[in-house]
Amino acid sequence: MHVAELWRYPVKSMGGERLTETELGAHGIPGDRIYQVRRPDGRIVDARAHPRMLAMRPAFTPSGELLVNGQPWDSPTIARAVEEAAAVGPGAHLVRYDGAERFDVLPLLVATDGAIAAFGHDRRRLRPNIVLGGVKGLAEREWEGRALRVGEAIIGVHNRRSRCVMTTYDPDTQAQDPAVFQRIVDEFGGQMALDCWVIRGGRIRVGDKAELVERDQLPADDDWGRYASDATRNKWVQRVPTGS
């Protein structure tokens, strides 16, 4: 197995930024989902109900400045564009926040080329951070409770990701096709790709070898995102003996 693609999403629910290498830290890829669109009352706005946000393209400059559609994120032009895409009325705005709650469940989503091929649609619909190549079929579905050694890092695999309506939106046109999500439900039990966290940080690059190993750690309390229920947290309470 190897790292085929790396993705960062500087603004939650906006388009992704493709990377060739990155550091992995406690909260996954630095800068991932570190900005969110919020309503005037502080609630997060996402593309589940407002898919026009997916058309916006954020990226970081080498100096760490966030650009959206090639312009500074706090410019008047982008402020207007965010209000229009969010479609929740005046006052929708970008906010920087780096707490773990900015993630839905855990800081990393890992997908594999075998499962993406079985899925049969654009892999961007799944919004992975890491795409692993060289994986046969649906092998990823047997990885729960194990770990991945990738480059200098070790990534814990928690569980398969339960998918949502986001998968129904074309990442380029935002046209909706409900049949995409229905197929995930009918053929894959509503789950695809893997919720993961970082056991040991380090540098990873496209092309790096990846291998399955055993793990003896669970996500810490501050690894979890905003939709993590107690049931989700406790699903893998058993510890697996350390392997290679």
C-alpha atoms as a PDB file:
ATOM      1  CA  MET A   1       0.000   0.000   0.000  1.00  0.00           C
ATOM      2  CA  HIS A   2       1.071   3.578  -0.507  1.00  0.00           C
ATOM      3  CA  VAL A   3      -0.181   7.133  -0.118  1.00  0.00           C
ATOM      4  CA  ALA A   4      -1.887   8.012  -3.393  1.00  0.00           C
ATOM      5  CA  GLU A   5      -3.425  11.391  -2.440  1.00  0.00           C
ATOM      6  CA  LEU A   6      -3.420  13.881   0.425  1.00  0.00           C
ATOM      7  CA  TRP A   7      -6.217  16.412   0.954  1.00  0.00           C
ATOM      8  CA  ARG A   8      -6.775  19.319   3.298  1.00  0.00           C
ATOM      9  CA  TYR A   9     -10.029  21.263   3.682  1.00  0.00           C
ATOM     10  CA  PRO A  10      -9.026  24.700   5.001  1.00  0.00           C
ATOM     11  CA  VAL A  11     -12.681  25.743   5.365  1.00  0.00           C
ATOM     12  CA  LYS A  12     -15.207  23.205   6.559  1.00  0.00           C
ATOM     13  CA  SER A  13     -17.666  22.269   3.775  1.00  0.00           C
ATOM     14  CA  MET A  14     -15.736  24.121   1.078  1.00  0.00           C
ATOM     15  CA  GLY A  15     -13.590  22.540  -1.625  1.00  0.00           C
ATOM     16  CA  GLY A  16     -10.439  20.605  -0.831  1.00  0.00           C
ATOM     17  CA  GLU A  17      -6.785  21.536  -1.310  1.00  0.00           C
ATOM     18  CA  ARG A  18      -4.598  18.759  -2.701  1.00  0.00           C
ATOM     19  CA  LEU A  19      -1.179  18.341  -1.080  1.00  0.00           C
ATOM     20  CA  THR A  20       1.983  16.437  -1.934  1.00  0.00           C
ATOM     21  CA  GLU A  21       3.230  16.199   1.670  1.00  0.00           C
ATOM     22  CA  THR A  22       2.222  17.292   5.128  1.00  0.00           C
ATOM     23  CA  GLU A  23       3.006  16.968   8.791  1.00  0.00           C
ATOM     24  CA  LEU A  24       0.512  14.993  10.860  1.00  0.00           C
ATOM     25  CA  GLY A  25      -0.172  16.203  14.380  1.00  0.00           C
ATOM     26  CA  ALA A  26      -2.631  15.547  17.167  1.00  0.00           C
ATOM     27  CA  HIS A  27      -5.429  17.142  15.140  1.00  0.00           C
ATOM     28  CA  GLY A  28      -4.544  15.578  11.824  1.00  0.00           C
ATOM     29  CA  ILE A  29      -3.323  17.737   8.956  1.00  0.00           C
ATOM     30  CA  PRO A  30      -2.394  21.274  10.067  1.00  0.00           C
ATOM     31  CA  GLY A  31      -4.935  23.775   8.793  1.00  0.00           C
ATOM     32  CA  ASP A  32      -7.612  21.169   8.102  1.00  0.00           C
ATOM     33  CA  ARG A  33     -11.098  22.626   8.665  1.00  0.00           C
ATOM     34  CA  ILE A  34      -9.528  25.346  10.756  1.00  0.00           C
ATOM     35  CA  TYR A  35     -12.017  27.888   9.397  1.00  0.00           C
ATOM     36  CA  GLN A  36     -15.784  27.480   9.473  1.00  0.00           C
ATOM     37  CA  VAL A  37     -18.719  29.459   8.163  1.00  0.00           C
ATOM     38  CA  ARG A  38     -20.908  30.560  11.067  1.00  0.00           C
ATOM     39  CA  ARG A  39     -24.278  32.228  11.366  1.00  0.00           C
ATOM     40  CA  PRO A  40     -24.631  35.402  13.435  1.00  0.00           C
ATOM     41  CA  ASP A  41     -25.712  33.203  16.391  1.00  0.00           C
ATOM     42  CA  GLY A  42     -22.446  31.253  16.161  1.00  0.00           C
ATOM     43  CA  ARG A  43     -23.841  28.003  14.732  1.00  0.00           C
ATOM     44  CA  ILE A  44     -21.765  26.309  12.032  1.00  0.00           C
ATOM     45  CA  VAL A  45     -23.146  26.353   8.485  1.00  0.00           C
ATOM     46  CA  ASP A  46     -22.222  23.359   6.334  1.00  0.00           C
ATOM     47  CA  ALA A  47     -22.810  22.057   2.837  1.00  0.00           C
ATOM     48  CA  ARG A  48     -25.319  19.395   3.845  1.00  0.00           C
ATOM     49  CA  ALA A  49     -28.019  22.019   3.468  1.00  0.00           C
ATOM     50  CA  HIS A  50     -26.011  24.652   1.593  1.00  0.00           C
ATOM     51  CA  PRO A  51     -24.084  22.861  -1.189  1.00  0.00           C
ATOM     52  CA  ARG A  52     -23.044  26.073  -2.948  1.00  0.00           C
ATOM     53  CA  MET A  53     -20.281  26.245  -0.358  1.00  0.00           C
ATOM     54  CA  LEU A  54     -18.595  23.297  -2.100  1.00  0.00           C
ATOM     55  CA  ALA A  55     -17.901  25.517  -5.117  1.00  0.00           C
ATOM     56  CA  MET A  56     -15.632  27.806  -3.092  1.00  0.00           C
ATOM     57  CA  ARG A  57     -11.922  26.973  -3.267  1.00  0.00           C
ATOM     58  CA  PRO A  58      -9.814  27.764  -0.199  1.00  0.00           C
ATOM     59  CA  ALA A  59      -6.039  27.258  -0.034  1.00  0.00           C
ATOM     60  CA  PHE A  60      -3.143  28.412   2.108  1.00  0.00           C
ATOM     61  CA  THR A  61      -0.263  30.448   0.730  1.00  0.00           C
ATOM     62  CA  PRO A  62       3.314  29.356   1.586  1.00  0.00           C
ATOM     63  CA  SER A  63       3.274  31.963   4.363  1.00  0.00           C
ATOM     64  CA  GLY A  64       0.101  30.500   5.866  1.00  0.00           C
ATOM     65  CA  GLU A  65      -2.422  33.105   4.643  1.00  0.00           C
ATOM     66  CA  LEU A  66      -5.830  31.712   3.751  1.00  0.00           C
ATOM     67  CA  LEU A  67      -7.144  32.545   0.316  1.00  0.00           C
ATOM     68  CA  VAL A  68     -10.649  31.725  -0.875  1.00  0.00           C
ATOM     69  CA  ASN A  69     -11.122  31.720  -4.639  1.00  0.00           C
ATOM     70  CA  GLY A  70      -7.690  33.325  -4.844  1.00  0.00           C
ATOM     71  CA  GLN A  71      -8.558  36.283  -2.590  1.00  0.00           C
ATOM     72  CA  PRO A  72      -7.847  36.996   1.103  1.00  0.00           C
ATOM     73  CA  TRP A  73     -10.440  35.241   3.249  1.00  0.00           C
ATOM     74  CA  ASP A  74     -11.335  38.446   5.130  1.00  0.00           C
ATOM     75  CA  SER A  75     -11.789  40.635   2.042  1.00  0.00           C
ATOM     76  CA  PRO A  76     -15.186  42.289   1.384  1.00  0.00           C
ATOM     77  CA  THR A  77     -15.551  40.281  -1.842  1.00  0.00           C
ATOM     78  CA  ILE A  78     -15.196  36.960  -0.042  1.00  0.00           C
ATOM     79  CA  ALA A  79     -17.425  38.126   2.798  1.00  0.00           C
ATOM     80  CA  ARG A  80     -20.214  38.712   0.257  1.00  0.00           C
ATOM     81  CA  ALA A  81     -19.519  35.405  -1.487  1.00  0.00           C
ATOM     82  CA  VAL A  82     -19.698  33.531   1.825  1.00  0.00           C
ATOM     83  CA  GLU A  83     -23.044  35.136   2.678  1.00  0.00           C
ATOM     84  CA  GLU A  84     -24.442  34.173  -0.726  1.00  0.00           C
ATOM     85  CA  ALA A  85     -23.167  30.565  -0.576  1.00  0.00           C
ATOM     86  CA  ALA A  86     -24.273  30.016   3.017  1.00  0.00           C
ATOM     87  CA  ALA A  87     -27.778  31.260   2.163  1.00  0.00           C
ATOM     88  CA  VAL A  88     -28.770  31.774   5.796  1.00  0.00           C
ATOM     89  CA  GLY A  89     -29.333  35.520   5.599  1.00  0.00           C
ATOM     90  CA  PRO A  90     -27.090  38.484   6.422  1.00  0.00           C
ATOM     91  CA  GLY A  91     -24.245  37.944   8.835  1.00  0.00           C
ATOM     92  CA  ALA A  92     -22.836  34.562   7.784  1.00  0.00           C
ATOM     93  CA  HIS A  93     -19.074  34.867   8.174  1.00  0.00           C
ATOM     94  CA  LEU A  94     -15.801  32.944   8.354  1.00  0.00           C
ATOM     95  CA  VAL A  95     -14.325  32.185  11.769  1.00  0.00           C
ATOM     96  CA  ARG A  96     -10.993  30.610  12.661  1.00  0.00           C
ATOM     97  CA  TYR A  97     -11.232  27.858  15.282  1.00  0.00           C
ATOM     98  CA  ASP A  98      -8.705  25.087  15.934  1.00  0.00           C
ATOM     99  CA  GLY A  99     -10.477  22.949  18.562  1.00  0.00           C
ATOM    100  CA  ALA A 100     -11.220  19.268  17.899  1.00  0.00           C
ATOM    101  CA  GLU A 101     -14.946  20.054  17.752  1.00  0.00           C
ATOM    102  CA  ARG A 102     -14.398  21.402  14.262  1.00  0.00           C
ATOM    103  CA  PHE A 103     -14.295  17.798  13.033  1.00  0.00           C
ATOM    104  CA  ASP A 104     -17.427  15.717  12.680  1.00  0.00           C
ATOM    105  CA  VAL A 105     -16.054  12.648  14.463  1.00  0.00           C
ATOM    106  CA  LEU A 106     -12.239  12.267  14.395  1.00  0.00           C
ATOM    107  CA  PRO A 107      -9.461  14.334  12.790  1.00  0.00           C
ATOM    108  CA  LEU A 108      -8.641  12.102   9.815  1.00  0.00           C
ATOM    109  CA  LEU A 109     -10.661  10.342   7.132  1.00  0.00           C
ATOM    110  CA  VAL A 110      -8.810   7.615   5.239  1.00  0.00           C
ATOM    111  CA  ALA A 111     -10.152   6.051   2.039  1.00  0.00           C
ATOM    112  CA  THR A 112      -8.686   3.398  -0.258  1.00  0.00           C
ATOM    113  CA  ASP A 113      -8.575   3.030  -4.009  1.00  0.00           C
ATOM    114  CA  GLY A 114     -10.240  -0.389  -3.855  1.00  0.00           C
ATOM    115  CA  ALA A 115     -13.279   0.886  -1.968  1.00  0.00           C
ATOM    116  CA  ILE A 116     -13.467   3.996  -4.161  1.00  0.00           C
ATOM    117  CA  ALA A 117     -13.532   1.770  -7.247  1.00  0.00           C
ATOM    118  CA  ALA A 118     -16.354  -0.259  -5.698  1.00  0.00           C
ATOM    119  CA  PHE A 119     -18.161   2.985  -4.880  1.00  0.00           C
ATOM    120  CA  GLY A 120     -17.992   3.956  -8.539  1.00  0.00           C
ATOM    121  CA  HIS A 121     -18.141   7.736  -8.097  1.00  0.00           C
ATOM    122  CA  ASP A 122     -15.741  10.647  -7.736  1.00  0.00           C
ATOM    123  CA  ARG A 123     -13.671  10.038  -4.573  1.00  0.00           C
ATOM    124  CA  ARG A 124     -14.037  13.736  -3.676  1.00  0.00           C
ATOM    125  CA  ARG A 125     -17.640  13.010  -2.676  1.00  0.00           C
ATOM    126  CA  LEU A 126     -16.159  11.142   0.317  1.00  0.00           C
ATOM    127  CA  ARG A 127     -13.899  14.078   1.321  1.00  0.00           C
ATOM    128  CA  PRO A 128     -10.919  11.977   2.426  1.00  0.00           C
ATOM    129  CA  ASN A 129      -7.735  13.381   3.940  1.00  0.00           C
ATOM    130  CA  ILE A 130      -5.669  10.394   2.834  1.00  0.00           C
ATOM    131  CA  VAL A 131      -6.284   8.083  -0.111  1.00  0.00           C
ATOM    132  CA  LEU A 132      -4.314   4.843   0.017  1.00  0.00           C
ATOM    133  CA  GLY A 133      -3.478   3.078  -3.224  1.00  0.00           C
ATOM    134  CA  GLY A 134      -2.725  -0.594  -3.766  1.00  0.00           C
ATOM    135  CA  VAL A 135      -5.682  -1.837  -1.698  1.00  0.00           C
ATOM    136  CA  LYS A 136      -7.772  -4.689  -3.026  1.00  0.00           C
ATOM    137  CA  GLY A 137     -11.528  -4.270  -3.106  1.00  0.00           C
ATOM    138  CA  LEU A 138     -13.203  -3.568   0.215  1.00  0.00           C
ATOM    139  CA  ALA A 139     -10.262  -4.624   2.391  1.00  0.00           C
ATOM    140  CA  GLU A 140     -10.517  -1.354   4.368  1.00  0.00           C
ATOM    141  CA  ARG A 141     -13.726  -2.638   5.957  1.00  0.00           C
ATOM    142  CA  GLU A 142     -11.665  -5.149   7.976  1.00  0.00           C
ATOM    143  CA  TRP A 143      -9.268  -2.593   9.441  1.00  0.00           C
ATOM    144  CA  GLU A 144     -11.298  -1.352  12.402  1.00  0.00           C
ATOM    145  CA  GLY A 145      -9.302  -1.559  15.622  1.00  0.00           C
ATOM    146  CA  ARG A 146      -5.921  -1.637  13.875  1.00  0.00           C
ATOM    147  CA  ALA A 147      -3.435   1.056  12.838  1.00  0.00           C
ATOM    148  CA  LEU A 148      -1.598   2.260   9.750  1.00  0.00           C
ATOM    149  CA  ARG A 149       2.102   3.043   9.718  1.00  0.00           C
ATOM    150  CA  VAL A 150       2.468   5.730   7.055  1.00  0.00           C
ATOM    151  CA  GLY A 151       5.763   7.528   6.521  1.00  0.00           C
ATOM    152  CA  GLU A 152       6.865   8.731   9.943  1.00  0.00           C
ATOM    153  CA  ALA A 153       3.361   8.573  11.425  1.00  0.00           C
ATOM    154  CA  ILE A 154       1.093   5.957  12.971  1.00  0.00           C
ATOM    155  CA  ILE A 155      -2.639   6.422  12.400  1.00  0.00           C
ATOM    156  CA  GLY A 156      -5.260   4.672  14.516  1.00  0.00           C
ATOM    157  CA  VAL A 157      -8.273   3.246  12.692  1.00  0.00           C
ATOM    158  CA  HIS A 158     -11.421   3.610  14.757  1.00  0.00           C
ATOM    159  CA  ASN A 159     -14.405   2.645  12.607  1.00  0.00           C
ATOM    160  CA  ARG A 160     -16.038   2.916   9.216  1.00  0.00           C
ATOM    161  CA  ARG A 161     -17.529   6.345   8.530  1.00  0.00           C
ATOM    162  CA  SER A 162     -21.308   6.600   8.372  1.00  0.00           C
ATOM    163  CA  ARG A 163     -22.041   8.723   5.341  1.00  0.00           C
ATOM    164  CA  CYS A 164     -24.568  11.509   4.831  1.00  0.00           C
ATOM    165  CA  VAL A 165     -26.237  13.645   2.188  1.00  0.00           C
ATOM    166  CA  MET A 166     -22.916  15.356   1.373  1.00  0.00           C
ATOM    167  CA  THR A 167     -22.072  12.416  -0.884  1.00  0.00           C
ATOM    168  CA  THR A 168     -25.013  13.264  -3.139  1.00  0.00           C
ATOM    169  CA  TYR A 169     -23.505  16.548  -4.351  1.00  0.00           C
ATOM    170  CA  ASP A 170     -21.230  16.686  -7.379  1.00  0.00           C
ATOM    171  CA  PRO A 171     -18.032  18.420  -6.168  1.00  0.00           C
ATOM    172  CA  ASP A 172     -17.761  20.460  -9.371  1.00  0.00           C
ATOM    173  CA  THR A 173     -21.351  21.343 -10.251  1.00  0.00           C
ATOM    174  CA  GLN A 174     -23.092  20.839  -6.870  1.00  0.00           C
ATOM    175  CA  ALA A 175     -25.872  19.017  -8.745  1.00  0.00           C
ATOM    176  CA  GLN A 176     -27.553  16.545  -6.410  1.00  0.00           C
ATOM    177  CA  ASP A 177     -27.998  12.842  -7.130  1.00  0.00           C
ATOM    178  CA  PRO A 178     -29.782  11.104  -4.216  1.00  0.00           C
ATOM    179  CA  ALA A 179     -29.058   7.728  -5.802  1.00  0.00           C
ATOM    180  CA  VAL A 180     -25.408   8.046  -4.744  1.00  0.00           C
ATOM    181  CA  PHE A 181     -26.261   7.992  -1.059  1.00  0.00           C
ATOM    182  CA  GLN A 182     -28.921   5.319  -1.586  1.00  0.00           C
ATOM    183  CA  ARG A 183     -26.273   3.082  -3.142  1.00  0.00           C
ATOM    184  CA  ILE A 184     -23.989   3.590  -0.140  1.00  0.00           C
ATOM    185  CA  VAL A 185     -26.866   2.523   2.101  1.00  0.00           C
ATOM    186  CA  ASP A 186     -27.945  -0.451  -0.018  1.00  0.00           C
ATOM    187  CA  GLU A 187     -24.534  -1.853  -0.944  1.00  0.00           C
ATOM    188  CA  PHE A 188     -22.217  -0.668   1.829  1.00  0.00           C
ATOM    189  CA  GLY A 189     -24.452  -0.466   4.871  1.00  0.00           C
ATOM    190  CA  GLY A 190     -24.330   3.336   4.822  1.00  0.00           C
ATOM    191  CA  GLN A 191     -20.605   3.345   5.628  1.00  0.00           C
ATOM    192  CA  MET A 192     -17.535   4.106   3.558  1.00  0.00           C
ATOM    193  CA  ALA A 193     -13.962   5.172   4.391  1.00  0.00           C
ATOM    194  CA  LEU A 194     -12.453   5.174   7.881  1.00  0.00           C
ATOM    195  CA  ASP A 195     -12.562   7.511  10.875  1.00  0.00           C
ATOM    196  CA  CYS A 196      -9.019   7.770  12.169  1.00  0.00           C
ATOM    197  CA  TRP A 197      -6.818   9.656  14.618  1.00  0.00           C
ATOM    198  CA  VAL A 198      -3.084  10.232  15.011  1.00  0.00           C
ATOM    199  CA  ILE A 199      -1.261   7.965  17.450  1.00  0.00           C
ATOM    200  CA  ARG A 200       2.199   9.214  16.494  1.00  0.00           C
ATOM    201  CA  GLY A 201       2.725  12.315  14.392  1.00  0.00           C
ATOM    202  CA  GLY A 202       5.251  12.813  11.648  1.00  0.00           C
ATOM    203  CA  ARG A 203       5.837  13.748   8.049  1.00  0.00           C
ATOM    204  CA  ILE A 204       3.939  11.896   5.325  1.00  0.00           C
ATOM    205  CA  ARG A 205       4.223  12.244   1.562  1.00  0.00           C
ATOM    206  CA  VAL A 206       2.460  11.054  -1.558  1.00  0.00           C
ATOM    207  CA  GLY A 207       4.196   7.817  -2.496  1.00  0.00           C
ATOM    208  CA  ASP A 208       5.049   6.812   1.077  1.00  0.00           C
ATOM    209  CA  LYS A 209       4.612   3.145   1.926  1.00  0.00           C
ATOM    210  CA  ALA A 210       1.693   2.286   4.216  1.00  0.00           C
ATOM    211  CA  GLU A 211       1.280  -0.901   6.220  1.00  0.00           C
ATOM    212  CA  LEU A 212      -1.199  -2.302   8.698  1.00  0.00           C
ATOM    213  CA  VAL A 213       0.016  -2.806  12.267  1.00  0.00           C
ATOM    214  CA  GLU A 214      -1.665  -3.485  15.598  1.00  0.00           C
ATOM    215  CA  ARG A 215      -2.407  -0.752  18.108  1.00  0.00           C
ATOM    216  CA  ASP A 216      -2.838  -0.441  21.854  1.00  0.00           C
ATOM    217  CA  GLN A 217      -4.123   3.128  22.056  1.00  0.00           C
ATOM    218  CA  LEU A 218      -7.566   4.669  21.807  1.00  0.00           C
ATOM    219  CA  PRO A 219      -8.478   8.238  20.843  1.00  0.00           C
ATOM    220  CA  ALA A 220      -8.039  10.724  23.663  1.00  0.00           C
ATOM    221  CA  ASP A 221     -11.008  12.767  24.876  1.00  0.00           C
ATOM    222  CA  ASP A 222      -9.786  15.838  22.994  1.00  0.00           C
ATOM    223  CA  ASP A 223      -9.479  13.972  19.665  1.00  0.00           C
ATOM    224  CA  TRP A 224     -13.229  13.817  19.133  1.00  0.00           C
ATOM    225  CA  GLY A 225     -15.372  16.087  16.989  1.00  0.00           C
ATOM    226  CA  ARG A 226     -18.818  17.506  17.530  1.00  0.00           C
ATOM    227  CA  TYR A 227     -20.932  14.518  16.453  1.00  0.00           C
ATOM    228  CA  ALA A 228     -19.156  11.885  18.536  1.00  0.00           C
ATOM    229  CA  SER A 229     -21.670  10.260  20.881  1.00  0.00           C
ATOM    230  CA  ASP A 230     -20.724   8.247  23.942  1.00  0.00           C
ATOM    231  CA  ALA A 231     -21.739   5.140  22.006  1.00  0.00           C
ATOM    232  CA  THR A 232     -19.282   6.035  19.251  1.00  0.00           C
ATOM    233  CA  ARG A 233     -16.495   6.744  21.736  1.00  0.00           C
ATOM    234  CA  ASN A 234     -17.039   3.473  23.555  1.00  0.00           C
ATOM    235  CA  LYS A 235     -17.374   1.207  20.532  1.00  0.00           C
ATOM    236  CA  TRP A 236     -13.735   0.094  20.646  1.00  0.00           C
ATOM    237  CA  VAL A 237     -13.027   0.141  24.381  1.00  0.00           C
ATOM    238  CA  GLN A 238     -11.140  -3.154  24.200  1.00  0.00           C
ATOM    239  CA  ARG A 239      -7.421  -2.678  23.747  1.00  0.00           C
ATOM    240  CA  VAL A 240      -5.619  -4.600  21.054  1.00  0.00           C
ATOM    241  CA  PRO A 241      -2.135  -5.951  21.944  1.00  0.00           C
ATOM    242  CA  THR A 242       0.731  -4.143  20.261  1.00  0.00           C
ATOM    243  CA  GLY A 243       2.081  -5.942  17.209  1.00  0.00           C
ATOM    244  CA  SER A 244       4.845  -4.998  14.849  1.00  0.00           C
END
